[in-house]
Amino acid sequence: MQTAEKQGSGELKIAIPSAGGRVSAHFGRAERFVLLDVDPEGRRIVRMEEKVPPEHEPGVLPRWLEEMGVKVVITGGIGMMARRLLEEAGIRVVAGVPEEEPEKLAMEYLAGKLRDAEGGCGH
């Protein structure tokens, strides 16, 4: 099971690609990214905001997320290159999650209930 990791400030930033208010089935084609600052010890969401991602090009999203201080990405599907770039940037990837609301997935992550399917998108 996945467990939360703390940043120096005690908060952890989670990014969840979304479409239609739920996790996106494809990381690189998400309409928006929900960014959640969470308190791993208190298992609560401290702040939440949505951002429109930059245009999809290889390597852009991992760099964008790293620059914003993201430490965990929770997603439906993700390509192997994007996964590798995120992991090289020190960002944990939890893929293959069910199509749920971002807040619910963040809380499940904090509770250690999400498993990484490690599957790609087939490209």
PDB file of N, CA and C in Angstrom:
ATOM      1  N   MET A   1       0.833  -1.188   0.000  1.00  0.00           N
ATOM      2  CA  MET A   1       0.000   0.000   0.000  1.00  0.00           C
ATOM      3  C   MET A   1       0.869   1.239   0.000  1.00  0.00           C
ATOM      4  N   GLN A   2       0.349   2.295  -0.588  1.00  0.00           N
ATOM      5  CA  GLN A   2       1.063   3.556  -0.625  1.00  0.00           C
ATOM      6  C   GLN A   2       0.896   4.282   0.698  1.00  0.00           C
ATOM      7  N   THR A   3       1.942   4.945   1.122  1.00  0.00           N
ATOM      8  CA  THR A   3       1.850   5.759   2.324  1.00  0.00           C
ATOM      9  C   THR A   3       2.257   7.177   1.987  1.00  0.00           C
ATOM     10  N   ALA A   4       1.782   8.112   2.775  1.00  0.00           N
ATOM     11  CA  ALA A   4       2.096   9.520   2.546  1.00  0.00           C
ATOM     12  C   ALA A   4       3.515   9.822   2.990  1.00  0.00           C
ATOM     13  N   GLU A   5       4.164  10.733   2.269  1.00  0.00           N
ATOM     14  CA  GLU A   5       5.490  11.200   2.627  1.00  0.00           C
ATOM     15  C   GLU A   5       5.369  12.675   2.973  1.00  0.00           C
ATOM     16  N   LYS A   6       6.082  13.108   3.990  1.00  0.00           N
ATOM     17  CA  LYS A   6       6.000  14.501   4.403  1.00  0.00           C
ATOM     18  C   LYS A   6       7.056  15.338   3.699  1.00  0.00           C
ATOM     19  N   GLN A   7       6.694  16.587   3.383  1.00  0.00           N
ATOM     20  CA  GLN A   7       7.650  17.577   2.932  1.00  0.00           C
ATOM     21  C   GLN A   7       8.163  18.261   4.184  1.00  0.00           C
ATOM     22  N   GLY A   8       9.171  19.096   4.032  1.00  0.00           N
ATOM     23  CA  GLY A   8       9.737  19.797   5.163  1.00  0.00           C
ATOM     24  C   GLY A   8       8.713  20.606   5.948  1.00  0.00           C
ATOM     25  N   SER A   9       7.721  21.179   5.286  1.00  0.00           N
ATOM     26  CA  SER A   9       6.741  22.026   5.943  1.00  0.00           C
ATOM     27  C   SER A   9       5.676  21.214   6.669  1.00  0.00           C
ATOM     28  N   GLY A  10       5.708  19.892   6.529  1.00  0.00           N
ATOM     29  CA  GLY A  10       4.665  19.072   7.126  1.00  0.00           C
ATOM     30  C   GLY A  10       3.506  18.846   6.181  1.00  0.00           C
ATOM     31  N   GLU A  11       3.503  19.575   5.068  1.00  0.00           N
ATOM     32  CA  GLU A  11       2.444  19.395   4.078  1.00  0.00           C
ATOM     33  C   GLU A  11       2.989  18.649   2.871  1.00  0.00           C
ATOM     34  N   LEU A  12       2.095  18.051   2.136  1.00  0.00           N
ATOM     35  CA  LEU A  12       2.409  17.280   0.950  1.00  0.00           C
ATOM     36  C   LEU A  12       1.513  17.780  -0.169  1.00  0.00           C
ATOM     37  N   LYS A  13       2.092  18.001  -1.362  1.00  0.00           N
ATOM     38  CA  LYS A  13       1.292  18.462  -2.497  1.00  0.00           C
ATOM     39  C   LYS A  13       1.012  17.273  -3.418  1.00  0.00           C
ATOM     40  N   ILE A  14      -0.282  17.044  -3.654  1.00  0.00           N
ATOM     41  CA  ILE A  14      -0.750  15.969  -4.528  1.00  0.00           C
ATOM     42  C   ILE A  14      -1.382  16.594  -5.762  1.00  0.00           C
ATOM     43  N   ALA A  15      -1.089  16.046  -6.935  1.00  0.00           N
ATOM     44  CA  ALA A  15      -1.711  16.493  -8.178  1.00  0.00           C
ATOM     45  C   ALA A  15      -2.544  15.353  -8.749  1.00  0.00           C
ATOM     46  N   ILE A  16      -3.771  15.701  -9.149  1.00  0.00           N
ATOM     47  CA  ILE A  16      -4.669  14.712  -9.736  1.00  0.00           C
ATOM     48  C   ILE A  16      -5.226  15.274 -11.036  1.00  0.00           C
ATOM     49  N   PRO A  17      -4.880  14.653 -12.188  1.00  0.00           N
ATOM     50  CA  PRO A  17      -5.454  15.118 -13.449  1.00  0.00           C
ATOM     51  C   PRO A  17      -6.948  14.831 -13.439  1.00  0.00           C
ATOM     52  N   SER A  18      -7.735  15.796 -13.909  1.00  0.00           N
ATOM     53  CA  SER A  18      -9.179  15.595 -13.846  1.00  0.00           C
ATOM     54  C   SER A  18      -9.874  15.977 -15.144  1.00  0.00           C
ATOM     55  N   ALA A  19     -11.039  15.378 -15.312  1.00  0.00           N
ATOM     56  CA  ALA A  19     -11.932  15.666 -16.431  1.00  0.00           C
ATOM     57  C   ALA A  19     -13.345  15.439 -15.915  1.00  0.00           C
ATOM     58  N   GLY A  20     -14.179  16.439 -16.037  1.00  0.00           N
ATOM     59  CA  GLY A  20     -15.555  16.287 -15.591  1.00  0.00           C
ATOM     60  C   GLY A  20     -15.700  16.076 -14.092  1.00  0.00           C
ATOM     61  N   GLY A  21     -14.773  16.612 -13.293  1.00  0.00           N
ATOM     62  CA  GLY A  21     -14.870  16.500 -11.848  1.00  0.00           C
ATOM     63  C   GLY A  21     -14.364  15.198 -11.258  1.00  0.00           C
ATOM     64  N   ARG A  22     -13.822  14.317 -12.089  1.00  0.00           N
ATOM     65  CA  ARG A  22     -13.283  13.033 -11.620  1.00  0.00           C
ATOM     66  C   ARG A  22     -11.875  12.862 -12.169  1.00  0.00           C
ATOM     67  N   VAL A  23     -11.152  11.894 -11.618  1.00  0.00           N
ATOM     68  CA  VAL A  23      -9.796  11.638 -12.102  1.00  0.00           C
ATOM     69  C   VAL A  23      -9.851  11.316 -13.596  1.00  0.00           C
ATOM     70  N   SER A  24      -8.900  11.846 -14.323  1.00  0.00           N
ATOM     71  CA  SER A  24      -8.825  11.623 -15.767  1.00  0.00           C
ATOM     72  C   SER A  24      -8.309  10.218 -16.056  1.00  0.00           C
ATOM     73  N   ALA A  25      -8.863   9.612 -17.077  1.00  0.00           N
ATOM     74  CA  ALA A  25      -8.407   8.283 -17.493  1.00  0.00           C
ATOM     75  C   ALA A  25      -7.028   8.358 -18.137  1.00  0.00           C
ATOM     76  N   HIS A  26      -6.601   9.549 -18.569  1.00  0.00           N
ATOM     77  CA  HIS A  26      -5.314   9.705 -19.238  1.00  0.00           C
ATOM     78  C   HIS A  26      -4.602  10.953 -18.717  1.00  0.00           C
ATOM     79  N   PHE A  27      -3.486  10.756 -18.070  1.00  0.00           N
ATOM     80  CA  PHE A  27      -2.681  11.816 -17.471  1.00  0.00           C
ATOM     81  C   PHE A  27      -2.425  12.982 -18.436  1.00  0.00           C
ATOM     82  N   GLY A  28      -1.951  12.697 -19.621  1.00  0.00           N
ATOM     83  CA  GLY A  28      -1.534  13.724 -20.565  1.00  0.00           C
ATOM     84  C   GLY A  28      -2.652  14.475 -21.253  1.00  0.00           C
ATOM     85  N   ARG A  29      -3.875  14.025 -21.105  1.00  0.00           N
ATOM     86  CA  ARG A  29      -4.988  14.689 -21.791  1.00  0.00           C
ATOM     87  C   ARG A  29      -6.014  15.264 -20.813  1.00  0.00           C
ATOM     88  N   ALA A  30      -5.578  15.505 -19.599  1.00  0.00           N
ATOM     89  CA  ALA A  30      -6.478  16.039 -18.581  1.00  0.00           C
ATOM     90  C   ALA A  30      -6.867  17.478 -18.901  1.00  0.00           C
ATOM     91  N   GLU A  31      -8.130  17.805 -18.634  1.00  0.00           N
ATOM     92  CA  GLU A  31      -8.628  19.168 -18.821  1.00  0.00           C
ATOM     93  C   GLU A  31      -8.011  20.101 -17.784  1.00  0.00           C
ATOM     94  N   ARG A  32      -7.857  19.583 -16.572  1.00  0.00           N
ATOM     95  CA  ARG A  32      -7.354  20.361 -15.441  1.00  0.00           C
ATOM     96  C   ARG A  32      -6.547  19.443 -14.528  1.00  0.00           C
ATOM     97  N   PHE A  33      -5.803  20.067 -13.647  1.00  0.00           N
ATOM     98  CA  PHE A  33      -5.133  19.342 -12.575  1.00  0.00           C
ATOM     99  C   PHE A  33      -5.631  19.917 -11.261  1.00  0.00           C
ATOM    100  N   VAL A  34      -6.091  19.041 -10.390  1.00  0.00           N
ATOM    101  CA  VAL A  34      -6.484  19.447  -9.053  1.00  0.00           C
ATOM    102  C   VAL A  34      -5.237  19.300  -8.185  1.00  0.00           C
ATOM    103  N   LEU A  35      -4.853  20.399  -7.552  1.00  0.00           N
ATOM    104  CA  LEU A  35      -3.686  20.406  -6.675  1.00  0.00           C
ATOM    105  C   LEU A  35      -4.178  20.493  -5.243  1.00  0.00           C
ATOM    106  N   LEU A  36      -3.748  19.539  -4.445  1.00  0.00           N
ATOM    107  CA  LEU A  36      -4.189  19.476  -3.057  1.00  0.00           C
ATOM    108  C   LEU A  36      -2.981  19.526  -2.136  1.00  0.00           C
ATOM    109  N   ASP A  37      -2.964  20.494  -1.235  1.00  0.00           N
ATOM    110  CA  ASP A  37      -1.975  20.513  -0.167  1.00  0.00           C
ATOM    111  C   ASP A  37      -2.628  19.761   0.979  1.00  0.00           C
ATOM    112  N   VAL A  38      -1.963  18.713   1.428  1.00  0.00           N
ATOM    113  CA  VAL A  38      -2.547  17.877   2.474  1.00  0.00           C
ATOM    114  C   VAL A  38      -1.613  17.800   3.679  1.00  0.00           C
ATOM    115  N   ASP A  39      -2.202  17.520   4.815  1.00  0.00           N
ATOM    116  CA  ASP A  39      -1.480  17.291   6.062  1.00  0.00           C
ATOM    117  C   ASP A  39      -1.489  15.777   6.279  1.00  0.00           C
ATOM    118  N   PRO A  40      -0.359  15.101   5.988  1.00  0.00           N
ATOM    119  CA  PRO A  40      -0.328  13.639   6.116  1.00  0.00           C
ATOM    120  C   PRO A  40      -0.580  13.144   7.533  1.00  0.00           C
ATOM    121  N   GLU A  41      -0.069  13.848   8.530  1.00  0.00           N
ATOM    122  CA  GLU A  41      -0.263  13.407   9.912  1.00  0.00           C
ATOM    123  C   GLU A  41      -1.720  13.532  10.341  1.00  0.00           C
ATOM    124  N   GLY A  42      -2.333  14.655   9.996  1.00  0.00           N
ATOM    125  CA  GLY A  42      -3.732  14.877  10.362  1.00  0.00           C
ATOM    126  C   GLY A  42      -4.707  14.266   9.375  1.00  0.00           C
ATOM    127  N   ARG A  43      -4.147  13.742   8.270  1.00  0.00           N
ATOM    128  CA  ARG A  43      -4.970  13.139   7.205  1.00  0.00           C
ATOM    129  C   ARG A  43      -6.120  14.060   6.795  1.00  0.00           C
ATOM    130  N   ARG A  44      -5.732  15.286   6.390  1.00  0.00           N
ATOM    131  CA  ARG A  44      -6.754  16.238   5.960  1.00  0.00           C
ATOM    132  C   ARG A  44      -6.236  17.091   4.813  1.00  0.00           C
ATOM    133  N   ILE A  45      -7.169  17.615   4.039  1.00  0.00           N
ATOM    134  CA  ILE A  45      -6.847  18.521   2.945  1.00  0.00           C
ATOM    135  C   ILE A  45      -6.780  19.930   3.514  1.00  0.00           C
ATOM    136  N   VAL A  46      -5.660  20.601   3.272  1.00  0.00           N
ATOM    137  CA  VAL A  46      -5.451  21.955   3.784  1.00  0.00           C
ATOM    138  C   VAL A  46      -5.896  22.987   2.745  1.00  0.00           C
ATOM    139  N   ARG A  47      -5.498  22.780   1.490  1.00  0.00           N
ATOM    140  CA  ARG A  47      -5.852  23.672   0.384  1.00  0.00           C
ATOM    141  C   ARG A  47      -6.099  22.866  -0.871  1.00  0.00           C
ATOM    142  N   MET A  48      -6.968  23.395  -1.711  1.00  0.00           N
ATOM    143  CA  MET A  48      -7.247  22.736  -2.985  1.00  0.00           C
ATOM    144  C   MET A  48      -7.446  23.814  -4.048  1.00  0.00           C
ATOM    145  N   GLU A  49      -6.844  23.600  -5.216  1.00  0.00           N
ATOM    146  CA  GLU A  49      -7.039  24.516  -6.335  1.00  0.00           C
ATOM    147  C   GLU A  49      -6.980  23.728  -7.631  1.00  0.00           C
ATOM    148  N   GLU A  50      -7.548  24.300  -8.677  1.00  0.00           N
ATOM    149  CA  GLU A  50      -7.505  23.689  -9.999  1.00  0.00           C
ATOM    150  C   GLU A  50      -6.674  24.569 -10.917  1.00  0.00           C
ATOM    151  N   LYS A  51      -5.878  23.929 -11.768  1.00  0.00           N
ATOM    152  CA  LYS A  51      -5.076  24.655 -12.746  1.00  0.00           C
ATOM    153  C   LYS A  51      -5.248  23.996 -14.108  1.00  0.00           C
ATOM    154  N   VAL A  52      -5.258  24.840 -15.127  1.00  0.00           N
ATOM    155  CA  VAL A  52      -5.279  24.343 -16.498  1.00  0.00           C
ATOM    156  C   VAL A  52      -3.833  24.030 -16.867  1.00  0.00           C
ATOM    157  N   PRO A  53      -3.574  22.815 -17.333  1.00  0.00           N
ATOM    158  CA  PRO A  53      -2.189  22.436 -17.642  1.00  0.00           C
ATOM    159  C   PRO A  53      -1.709  23.078 -18.941  1.00  0.00           C
ATOM    160  N   PRO A  54      -0.391  23.138 -19.105  1.00  0.00           N
ATOM    161  CA  PRO A  54       0.146  23.595 -20.381  1.00  0.00           C
ATOM    162  C   PRO A  54      -0.213  22.594 -21.479  1.00  0.00           C
ATOM    163  N   GLU A  55      -0.059  23.010 -22.711  1.00  0.00           N
ATOM    164  CA  GLU A  55      -0.374  22.139 -23.845  1.00  0.00           C
ATOM    165  C   GLU A  55       0.449  20.859 -23.767  1.00  0.00           C
ATOM    166  N   HIS A  56      -0.193  19.735 -24.111  1.00  0.00           N
ATOM    167  CA  HIS A  56       0.432  18.411 -24.005  1.00  0.00           C
ATOM    168  C   HIS A  56       1.551  18.251 -25.022  1.00  0.00           C
ATOM    169  N   GLU A  57       2.764  18.112 -24.511  1.00  0.00           N
ATOM    170  CA  GLU A  57       3.944  17.790 -25.303  1.00  0.00           C
ATOM    171  C   GLU A  57       4.817  16.915 -24.414  1.00  0.00           C
ATOM    172  N   PRO A  58       5.611  16.023 -24.994  1.00  0.00           N
ATOM    173  CA  PRO A  58       6.439  15.140 -24.180  1.00  0.00           C
ATOM    174  C   PRO A  58       7.305  15.911 -23.181  1.00  0.00           C
ATOM    175  N   GLY A  59       7.206  15.522 -21.908  1.00  0.00           N
ATOM    176  CA  GLY A  59       8.042  16.086 -20.859  1.00  0.00           C
ATOM    177  C   GLY A  59       7.550  17.366 -20.214  1.00  0.00           C
ATOM    178  N   VAL A  60       6.558  18.017 -20.790  1.00  0.00           N
ATOM    179  CA  VAL A  60       6.102  19.312 -20.265  1.00  0.00           C
ATOM    180  C   VAL A  60       5.386  19.161 -18.920  1.00  0.00           C
ATOM    181  N   LEU A  61       4.446  18.239 -18.833  1.00  0.00           N
ATOM    182  CA  LEU A  61       3.676  18.100 -17.590  1.00  0.00           C
ATOM    183  C   LEU A  61       4.538  17.700 -16.391  1.00  0.00           C
ATOM    184  N   PRO A  62       5.458  16.736 -16.524  1.00  0.00           N
ATOM    185  CA  PRO A  62       6.303  16.413 -15.376  1.00  0.00           C
ATOM    186  C   PRO A  62       7.112  17.620 -14.872  1.00  0.00           C
ATOM    187  N   ARG A  63       7.668  18.416 -15.790  1.00  0.00           N
ATOM    188  CA  ARG A  63       8.432  19.605 -15.382  1.00  0.00           C
ATOM    189  C   ARG A  63       7.524  20.622 -14.692  1.00  0.00           C
ATOM    190  N   TRP A  64       6.341  20.850 -15.248  1.00  0.00           N
ATOM    191  CA  TRP A  64       5.361  21.791 -14.694  1.00  0.00           C
ATOM    192  C   TRP A  64       4.978  21.390 -13.270  1.00  0.00           C
ATOM    193  N   LEU A  65       4.693  20.109 -13.070  1.00  0.00           N
ATOM    194  CA  LEU A  65       4.312  19.625 -11.739  1.00  0.00           C
ATOM    195  C   LEU A  65       5.478  19.723 -10.749  1.00  0.00           C
ATOM    196  N   GLU A  66       6.673  19.389 -11.211  1.00  0.00           N
ATOM    197  CA  GLU A  66       7.853  19.491 -10.343  1.00  0.00           C
ATOM    198  C   GLU A  66       8.072  20.936  -9.908  1.00  0.00           C
ATOM    199  N   GLU A  67       7.933  21.883 -10.828  1.00  0.00           N
ATOM    200  CA  GLU A  67       8.117  23.304 -10.508  1.00  0.00           C
ATOM    201  C   GLU A  67       7.114  23.793  -9.468  1.00  0.00           C
ATOM    202  N   MET A  68       5.938  23.170  -9.403  1.00  0.00           N
ATOM    203  CA  MET A  68       4.923  23.569  -8.431  1.00  0.00           C
ATOM    204  C   MET A  68       5.095  22.853  -7.084  1.00  0.00           C
ATOM    205  N   GLY A  69       6.099  21.975  -6.984  1.00  0.00           N
ATOM    206  CA  GLY A  69       6.372  21.300  -5.720  1.00  0.00           C
ATOM    207  C   GLY A  69       5.539  20.055  -5.470  1.00  0.00           C
ATOM    208  N   VAL A  70       4.970  19.483  -6.536  1.00  0.00           N
ATOM    209  CA  VAL A  70       4.164  18.270  -6.402  1.00  0.00           C
ATOM    210  C   VAL A  70       5.073  17.106  -5.999  1.00  0.00           C
ATOM    211  N   LYS A  71       4.591  16.289  -5.051  1.00  0.00           N
ATOM    212  CA  LYS A  71       5.338  15.114  -4.594  1.00  0.00           C
ATOM    213  C   LYS A  71       4.637  13.804  -4.925  1.00  0.00           C
ATOM    214  N   VAL A  72       3.327  13.876  -5.251  1.00  0.00           N
ATOM    215  CA  VAL A  72       2.552  12.676  -5.583  1.00  0.00           C
ATOM    216  C   VAL A  72       1.597  13.011  -6.720  1.00  0.00           C
ATOM    217  N   VAL A  73       1.515  12.115  -7.711  1.00  0.00           N
ATOM    218  CA  VAL A  73       0.512  12.205  -8.767  1.00  0.00           C
ATOM    219  C   VAL A  73      -0.371  10.975  -8.652  1.00  0.00           C
ATOM    220  N   ILE A  74      -1.683  11.208  -8.593  1.00  0.00           N
ATOM    221  CA  ILE A  74      -2.669  10.126  -8.559  1.00  0.00           C
ATOM    222  C   ILE A  74      -3.439  10.230  -9.864  1.00  0.00           C
ATOM    223  N   THR A  75      -3.446   9.145 -10.649  1.00  0.00           N
ATOM    224  CA  THR A  75      -4.040   9.219 -11.981  1.00  0.00           C
ATOM    225  C   THR A  75      -4.689   7.908 -12.393  1.00  0.00           C
ATOM    226  N   GLY A  76      -5.493   7.990 -13.447  1.00  0.00           N
ATOM    227  CA  GLY A  76      -6.063   6.795 -14.048  1.00  0.00           C
ATOM    228  C   GLY A  76      -4.956   6.092 -14.821  1.00  0.00           C
ATOM    229  N   GLY A  77      -4.752   6.490 -16.072  1.00  0.00           N
ATOM    230  CA  GLY A  77      -3.699   5.917 -16.896  1.00  0.00           C
ATOM    231  C   GLY A  77      -2.591   6.918 -17.129  1.00  0.00           C
ATOM    232  N   ILE A  78      -1.398   6.393 -17.394  1.00  0.00           N
ATOM    233  CA  ILE A  78      -0.238   7.252 -17.651  1.00  0.00           C
ATOM    234  C   ILE A  78       0.739   6.493 -18.538  1.00  0.00           C
ATOM    235  N   GLY A  79       1.320   7.198 -19.488  1.00  0.00           N
ATOM    236  CA  GLY A  79       2.317   6.603 -20.360  1.00  0.00           C
ATOM    237  C   GLY A  79       3.618   6.339 -19.623  1.00  0.00           C
ATOM    238  N   MET A  80       4.382   5.409 -20.125  1.00  0.00           N
ATOM    239  CA  MET A  80       5.620   5.014 -19.450  1.00  0.00           C
ATOM    240  C   MET A  80       6.647   6.146 -19.416  1.00  0.00           C
ATOM    241  N   MET A  81       6.720   6.965 -20.462  1.00  0.00           N
ATOM    242  CA  MET A  81       7.677   8.070 -20.474  1.00  0.00           C
ATOM    243  C   MET A  81       7.314   9.102 -19.399  1.00  0.00           C
ATOM    244  N   ALA A  82       6.041   9.457 -19.312  1.00  0.00           N
ATOM    245  CA  ALA A  82       5.606  10.430 -18.299  1.00  0.00           C
ATOM    246  C   ALA A  82       5.878   9.878 -16.903  1.00  0.00           C
ATOM    247  N   ARG A  83       5.579   8.610 -16.682  1.00  0.00           N
ATOM    248  CA  ARG A  83       5.837   7.982 -15.375  1.00  0.00           C
ATOM    249  C   ARG A  83       7.317   8.071 -15.040  1.00  0.00           C
ATOM    250  N   ARG A  84       8.161   7.721 -15.988  1.00  0.00           N
ATOM    251  CA  ARG A  84       9.607   7.732 -15.756  1.00  0.00           C
ATOM    252  C   ARG A  84      10.095   9.143 -15.418  1.00  0.00           C
ATOM    253  N   LEU A  85       9.635  10.141 -16.167  1.00  0.00           N
ATOM    254  CA  LEU A  85      10.058  11.523 -15.919  1.00  0.00           C
ATOM    255  C   LEU A  85       9.592  12.018 -14.549  1.00  0.00           C
ATOM    256  N   LEU A  86       8.376  11.663 -14.169  1.00  0.00           N
ATOM    257  CA  LEU A  86       7.876  12.046 -12.849  1.00  0.00           C
ATOM    258  C   LEU A  86       8.718  11.395 -11.751  1.00  0.00           C
ATOM    259  N   GLU A  87       8.959  10.105 -11.887  1.00  0.00           N
ATOM    260  CA  GLU A  87       9.725   9.394 -10.870  1.00  0.00           C
ATOM    261  C   GLU A  87      11.161   9.910 -10.780  1.00  0.00           C
ATOM    262  N   GLU A  88      11.767  10.255 -11.926  1.00  0.00           N
ATOM    263  CA  GLU A  88      13.120  10.825 -11.920  1.00  0.00           C
ATOM    264  C   GLU A  88      13.144  12.174 -11.206  1.00  0.00           C
ATOM    265  N   ALA A  89      12.013  12.885 -11.220  1.00  0.00           N
ATOM    266  CA  ALA A  89      11.899  14.179 -10.533  1.00  0.00           C
ATOM    267  C   ALA A  89      11.563  13.997  -9.053  1.00  0.00           C
ATOM    268  N   GLY A  90      11.472  12.753  -8.597  1.00  0.00           N
ATOM    269  CA  GLY A  90      11.167  12.488  -7.197  1.00  0.00           C
ATOM    270  C   GLY A  90       9.683  12.538  -6.880  1.00  0.00           C
ATOM    271  N   ILE A  91       8.853  12.420  -7.899  1.00  0.00           N
ATOM    272  CA  ILE A  91       7.402  12.454  -7.721  1.00  0.00           C
ATOM    273  C   ILE A  91       6.873  11.020  -7.751  1.00  0.00           C
ATOM    274  N   ARG A  92       6.180  10.630  -6.692  1.00  0.00           N
ATOM    275  CA  ARG A  92       5.581   9.295  -6.618  1.00  0.00           C
ATOM    276  C   ARG A  92       4.359   9.264  -7.532  1.00  0.00           C
ATOM    277  N   VAL A  93       4.191   8.172  -8.272  1.00  0.00           N
ATOM    278  CA  VAL A  93       3.054   7.998  -9.172  1.00  0.00           C
ATOM    279  C   VAL A  93       2.189   6.854  -8.650  1.00  0.00           C
ATOM    280  N   VAL A  94       0.893   7.137  -8.531  1.00  0.00           N
ATOM    281  CA  VAL A  94      -0.087   6.117  -8.177  1.00  0.00           C
ATOM    282  C   VAL A  94      -1.069   6.085  -9.345  1.00  0.00           C
ATOM    283  N   ALA A  95      -0.955   5.049 -10.181  1.00  0.00           N
ATOM    284  CA  ALA A  95      -1.760   4.962 -11.402  1.00  0.00           C
ATOM    285  C   ALA A  95      -2.760   3.818 -11.322  1.00  0.00           C
ATOM    286  N   GLY A  96      -3.744   3.891 -12.213  1.00  0.00           N
ATOM    287  CA  GLY A  96      -4.744   2.836 -12.291  1.00  0.00           C
ATOM    288  C   GLY A  96      -5.820   2.963 -11.234  1.00  0.00           C
ATOM    289  N   VAL A  97      -6.014   4.177 -10.731  1.00  0.00           N
ATOM    290  CA  VAL A  97      -7.018   4.380  -9.675  1.00  0.00           C
ATOM    291  C   VAL A  97      -8.417   4.446 -10.285  1.00  0.00           C
ATOM    292  N   PRO A  98      -9.446   4.189  -9.487  1.00  0.00           N
ATOM    293  CA  PRO A  98     -10.812   4.239 -10.002  1.00  0.00           C
ATOM    294  C   PRO A  98     -11.238   5.672 -10.334  1.00  0.00           C
ATOM    295  N   GLU A  99     -12.238   5.795 -11.173  1.00  0.00           N
ATOM    296  CA  GLU A  99     -12.739   7.103 -11.596  1.00  0.00           C
ATOM    297  C   GLU A  99     -13.590   7.713 -10.488  1.00  0.00           C
ATOM    298  N   GLU A 100     -12.915   8.439  -9.588  1.00  0.00           N
ATOM    299  CA  GLU A 100     -13.551   9.051  -8.422  1.00  0.00           C
ATOM    300  C   GLU A 100     -13.209  10.531  -8.370  1.00  0.00           C
ATOM    301  N   GLU A 101     -13.803  11.241  -7.411  1.00  0.00           N
ATOM    302  CA  GLU A 101     -13.510  12.647  -7.196  1.00  0.00           C
ATOM    303  C   GLU A 101     -12.105  12.783  -6.606  1.00  0.00           C
ATOM    304  N   PRO A 102     -11.377  13.835  -7.001  1.00  0.00           N
ATOM    305  CA  PRO A 102     -10.013  14.028  -6.498  1.00  0.00           C
ATOM    306  C   PRO A 102      -9.899  14.056  -4.974  1.00  0.00           C
ATOM    307  N   GLU A 103     -10.832  14.719  -4.295  1.00  0.00           N
ATOM    308  CA  GLU A 103     -10.756  14.789  -2.832  1.00  0.00           C
ATOM    309  C   GLU A 103     -10.839  13.399  -2.209  1.00  0.00           C
ATOM    310  N   LYS A 104     -11.714  12.570  -2.742  1.00  0.00           N
ATOM    311  CA  LYS A 104     -11.865  11.210  -2.211  1.00  0.00           C
ATOM    312  C   LYS A 104     -10.582  10.412  -2.418  1.00  0.00           C
ATOM    313  N   LEU A 105      -9.980  10.545  -3.596  1.00  0.00           N
ATOM    314  CA  LEU A 105      -8.741   9.817  -3.877  1.00  0.00           C
ATOM    315  C   LEU A 105      -7.604  10.296  -2.980  1.00  0.00           C
ATOM    316  N   ALA A 106      -7.530  11.594  -2.736  1.00  0.00           N
ATOM    317  CA  ALA A 106      -6.488  12.120  -1.853  1.00  0.00           C
ATOM    318  C   ALA A 106      -6.647  11.549  -0.443  1.00  0.00           C
ATOM    319  N   MET A 107      -7.865  11.487   0.042  1.00  0.00           N
ATOM    320  CA  MET A 107      -8.107  10.939   1.375  1.00  0.00           C
ATOM    321  C   MET A 107      -7.780   9.441   1.427  1.00  0.00           C
ATOM    322  N   GLU A 108      -8.085   8.721   0.358  1.00  0.00           N
ATOM    323  CA  GLU A 108      -7.741   7.297   0.307  1.00  0.00           C
ATOM    324  C   GLU A 108      -6.223   7.110   0.285  1.00  0.00           C
ATOM    325  N   TYR A 109      -5.524   7.996  -0.420  1.00  0.00           N
ATOM    326  CA  TYR A 109      -4.064   7.937  -0.434  1.00  0.00           C
ATOM    327  C   TYR A 109      -3.508   8.153   0.973  1.00  0.00           C
ATOM    328  N   LEU A 110      -4.013   9.181   1.648  1.00  0.00           N
ATOM    329  CA  LEU A 110      -3.545   9.487   3.002  1.00  0.00           C
ATOM    330  C   LEU A 110      -3.812   8.334   3.967  1.00  0.00           C
ATOM    331  N   ALA A 111      -4.886   7.594   3.723  1.00  0.00           N
ATOM    332  CA  ALA A 111      -5.229   6.447   4.574  1.00  0.00           C
ATOM    333  C   ALA A 111      -4.470   5.180   4.170  1.00  0.00           C
ATOM    334  N   GLY A 112      -3.648   5.272   3.110  1.00  0.00           N
ATOM    335  CA  GLY A 112      -2.878   4.117   2.660  1.00  0.00           C
ATOM    336  C   GLY A 112      -3.696   3.093   1.899  1.00  0.00           C
ATOM    337  N   LYS A 113      -4.807   3.516   1.306  1.00  0.00           N
ATOM    338  CA  LYS A 113      -5.715   2.576   0.640  1.00  0.00           C
ATOM    339  C   LYS A 113      -5.552   2.481  -0.874  1.00  0.00           C
ATOM    340  N   LEU A 114      -4.707   3.310  -1.476  1.00  0.00           N
ATOM    341  CA  LEU A 114      -4.529   3.254  -2.940  1.00  0.00           C
ATOM    342  C   LEU A 114      -3.319   2.413  -3.300  1.00  0.00           C
ATOM    343  N   ARG A 115      -3.469   1.612  -4.332  1.00  0.00           N
ATOM    344  CA  ARG A 115      -2.362   0.797  -4.841  1.00  0.00           C
ATOM    345  C   ARG A 115      -2.015   1.281  -6.244  1.00  0.00           C
ATOM    346  N   ASP A 116      -0.733   1.277  -6.555  1.00  0.00           N
ATOM    347  CA  ASP A 116      -0.262   1.659  -7.877  1.00  0.00           C
ATOM    348  C   ASP A 116      -0.322   0.450  -8.790  1.00  0.00           C
ATOM    349  N   ALA A 117      -1.105   0.548  -9.848  1.00  0.00           N
ATOM    350  CA  ALA A 117      -1.241  -0.556 -10.795  1.00  0.00           C
ATOM    351  C   ALA A 117      -0.022  -0.666 -11.703  1.00  0.00           C
ATOM    352  N   GLU A 118       0.786   0.395 -11.765  1.00  0.00           N
ATOM    353  CA  GLU A 118       2.000   0.446 -12.575  1.00  0.00           C
ATOM    354  C   GLU A 118       1.777   0.163 -14.038  1.00  0.00           C
ATOM    355  N   GLY A 119       0.547   0.219 -14.490  1.00  0.00           N
ATOM    356  CA  GLY A 119       0.263   0.024 -15.910  1.00  0.00           C
ATOM    357  C   GLY A 119       0.376   1.316 -16.670  1.00  0.00           C
ATOM    358  N   GLY A 120       0.759   1.229 -17.896  1.00  0.00           N
ATOM    359  CA  GLY A 120       0.841   2.424 -18.731  1.00  0.00           C
ATOM    360  C   GLY A 120      -0.430   2.600 -19.534  1.00  0.00           C
ATOM    361  N   CYS A 121      -0.342   3.469 -20.512  1.00  0.00           N
ATOM    362  CA  CYS A 121      -1.475   3.738 -21.391  1.00  0.00           C
ATOM    363  C   CYS A 121      -1.305   3.026 -22.723  1.00  0.00           C
ATOM    364  N   GLY A 122      -0.279   2.230 -22.842  1.00  0.00           N
ATOM    365  CA  GLY A 122      -0.050   1.518 -24.088  1.00  0.00           C
ATOM    366  C   GLY A 122       0.664   2.335 -25.142  1.00  0.00           C
ATOM    367  N   HIS A 123       1.362   3.410 -24.704  1.00  0.00           N
ATOM    368  CA  HIS A 123       2.168   4.189 -25.657  1.00  0.00           C
ATOM    369  C   HIS A 123       3.381   4.760 -24.977  1.00  0.00           C
TER     370      HIS A 123
END
